[in-house]
C-alpha atoms as a PDB file:
ATOM      1  CA  MET A   1      29.972-141.842 171.610  1.00  0.00           C
ATOM      2  CA  ALA A   2      32.510-140.166 169.864  1.00  0.00           C
ATOM      3  CA  ILE A   3      32.218-139.296 166.005  1.00  0.00           C
ATOM      4  CA  GLU A   4      34.866-140.079 163.774  1.00  0.00           C
ATOM      5  CA  ALA A   5      36.005-138.055 160.760  1.00  0.00           C
ATOM      6  CA  GLN A   6      35.667-140.122 157.443  1.00  0.00           C
ATOM      7  CA  ALA A   7      37.332-139.699 154.186  1.00  0.00           C
ATOM      8  CA  TRP A   8      35.799-137.686 151.815  1.00  0.00           C
ATOM      9  CA  GLY A   9      33.977-139.789 149.017  1.00  0.00           C
ATOM     10  CA  GLU A  10      33.956-138.760 144.910  1.00  0.00           C
ATOM     11  CA  VAL A  11      31.145-137.652 143.116  1.00  0.00           C
ATOM     12  CA  ARG A  12      30.940-138.301 139.490  1.00  0.00           C
ATOM     13  CA  VAL A  13      28.508-136.494 137.182  1.00  0.00           C
ATOM     14  CA  ALA A  14      27.702-137.090 133.499  1.00  0.00           C
ATOM     15  CA  ARG A  15      28.556-134.589 131.026  1.00  0.00           C
ATOM     16  CA  GLN A  16      25.369-134.339 129.565  1.00  0.00           C
ATOM     17  CA  VAL A  17      23.829-133.940 133.474  1.00  0.00           C
ATOM     18  CA  LEU A  18      25.992-130.929 133.569  1.00  0.00           C
ATOM     19  CA  SER A  19      24.762-129.633 130.534  1.00  0.00           C
ATOM     20  CA  THR A  20      21.266-130.245 131.204  1.00  0.00           C
ATOM     21  CA  ILE A  21      21.889-128.086 134.341  1.00  0.00           C
ATOM     22  CA  VAL A  22      23.515-125.224 132.511  1.00  0.00           C
ATOM     23  CA  ILE A  23      21.281-125.181 129.820  1.00  0.00           C
ATOM     24  CA  ASN A  24      17.969-124.902 132.176  1.00  0.00           C
ATOM     25  CA  THR A  25      19.971-122.063 134.365  1.00  0.00           C
ATOM     26  CA  ALA A  26      20.244-120.286 131.392  1.00  0.00           C
ATOM     27  CA  LEU A  27      17.038-120.303 130.222  1.00  0.00           C
ATOM     28  CA  LEU A  28      15.850-118.955 133.814  1.00  0.00           C
ATOM     29  CA  ILE A  29      17.776-115.488 133.272  1.00  0.00           C
ATOM     30  CA  PRO A  30      15.219-113.002 132.071  1.00  0.00           C
ATOM     31  CA  GLY A  31      15.720-111.942 128.597  1.00  0.00           C
ATOM     32  CA  VAL A  32      17.240-115.401 127.578  1.00  0.00           C
ATOM     33  CA  SER A  33      14.351-116.831 125.140  1.00  0.00           C
ATOM     34  CA  ARG A  34      16.110-119.919 123.996  1.00  0.00           C
ATOM     35  CA  MET A  35      19.379-121.995 123.293  1.00  0.00           C
ATOM     36  CA  HIS A  36      20.923-121.519 119.771  1.00  0.00           C
ATOM     37  CA  ASN A  37      20.901-124.882 117.978  1.00  0.00           C
ATOM     38  CA  ARG A  38      23.113-125.984 115.143  1.00  0.00           C
ATOM     39  CA  GLN A  39      21.709-124.764 111.875  1.00  0.00           C
ATOM     40  CA  PRO A  40      22.013-127.168 108.733  1.00  0.00           C
ATOM     41  CA  GLU A  41      22.332-124.186 106.411  1.00  0.00           C
ATOM     42  CA  GLY A  42      25.641-123.089 108.010  1.00  0.00           C
ATOM     43  CA  THR A  43      27.659-121.608 110.892  1.00  0.00           C
ATOM     44  CA  PRO A  44      26.476-117.980 111.538  1.00  0.00           C
ATOM     45  CA  PHE A  45      29.189-117.648 114.067  1.00  0.00           C
ATOM     46  CA  GLY A  46      32.392-118.738 111.778  1.00  0.00           C
ATOM     47  CA  HIS A  47      32.735-121.868 113.853  1.00  0.00           C
ATOM     48  CA  GLU A  48      30.675-124.990 114.500  1.00  0.00           C
ATOM     49  CA  VAL A  49      27.559-124.013 117.491  1.00  0.00           C
ATOM     50  CA  PRO A  50      27.354-126.861 119.918  1.00  0.00           C
ATOM     51  CA  ARG A  51      24.344-129.314 119.173  1.00  0.00           C
ATOM     52  CA  GLN A  52      22.100-128.016 122.209  1.00  0.00           C
ATOM     53  CA  GLY A  53      23.591-124.733 122.240  1.00  0.00           C
ATOM     54  CA  VAL A  54      26.506-125.289 125.220  1.00  0.00           C
ATOM     55  CA  SER A  55      30.100-126.152 125.139  1.00  0.00           C
ATOM     56  CA  LEU A  56      31.505-127.942 128.322  1.00  0.00           C
ATOM     57  CA  SER A  57      35.030-127.650 129.189  1.00  0.00           C
ATOM     58  CA  ILE A  58      35.944-129.966 132.199  1.00  0.00           C
ATOM     59  CA  LYS A  59      39.342-129.415 134.006  1.00  0.00           C
ATOM     60  CA  GLU A  60      40.302-131.015 137.010  1.00  0.00           C
ATOM     61  CA  ASN A  61      37.674-129.387 139.506  1.00  0.00           C
ATOM     62  CA  THR A  62      36.628-126.584 136.939  1.00  0.00           C
ATOM     63  CA  VAL A  63      33.676-126.265 134.815  1.00  0.00           C
ATOM     64  CA  SER A  64      33.600-123.938 131.963  1.00  0.00           C
ATOM     65  CA  ALA A  65      30.828-123.248 129.793  1.00  0.00           C
ATOM     66  CA  ASP A  66      30.198-121.712 126.164  1.00  0.00           C
ATOM     67  CA  LEU A  67      26.744-120.533 126.028  1.00  0.00           C
ATOM     68  CA  TYR A  68      24.993-119.968 122.198  1.00  0.00           C
ATOM     69  CA  ILE A  69      21.372-118.036 123.280  1.00  0.00           C
ATOM     70  CA  VAL A  70      19.030-116.004 121.905  1.00  0.00           C
ATOM     71  CA  VAL A  71      18.027-113.199 123.713  1.00  0.00           C
ATOM     72  CA  SER A  72      14.090-111.859 123.311  1.00  0.00           C
ATOM     73  CA  SER A  73      13.214-108.827 121.030  1.00  0.00           C
ATOM     74  CA  GLY A  74      13.763-105.390 122.680  1.00  0.00           C
ATOM     75  CA  VAL A  75      16.300-106.999 125.424  1.00  0.00           C
ATOM     76  CA  ASN A  76      19.367-105.372 125.998  1.00  0.00           C
ATOM     77  CA  ILE A  77      22.058-107.841 125.218  1.00  0.00           C
ATOM     78  CA  VAL A  78      24.447-106.430 127.585  1.00  0.00           C
ATOM     79  CA  GLU A  79      22.189-106.320 130.643  1.00  0.00           C
ATOM     80  CA  VAL A  80      21.452-110.128 129.961  1.00  0.00           C
ATOM     81  CA  GLY A  81      24.952-110.808 130.335  1.00  0.00           C
ATOM     82  CA  GLN A  82      25.402-109.037 133.635  1.00  0.00           C
ATOM     83  CA  PRO A  83      25.954-110.712 136.764  1.00  0.00           C
ATOM     84  CA  TYR A  84      22.252-111.600 138.311  1.00  0.00           C
ATOM     85  CA  ARG A  85      21.094-109.118 140.639  1.00  0.00           C
ATOM     86  CA  LYS A  86      17.796-108.806 142.391  1.00  0.00           C
ATOM     87  CA  ARG A  87      15.467-106.249 140.176  1.00  0.00           C
END
């Protein structure tokens, strides 16, 4: 019995689902204590901070994310931003 190749389908993922995946992944990074939430008293970065601390940009088949994180006290923020390596 021969198996015929089938055409690829299409998978669509809701923006909120992608945002949740990005947030949960960021929170697994050692040194990240939480996502920065929008503050009622103003914008500390000189521009609007997204409500959940993540801003997604989706173009064609590429997703980019800007993360607004809070790093734990005493943690080297440069190390937090480095690509993950087993320690």
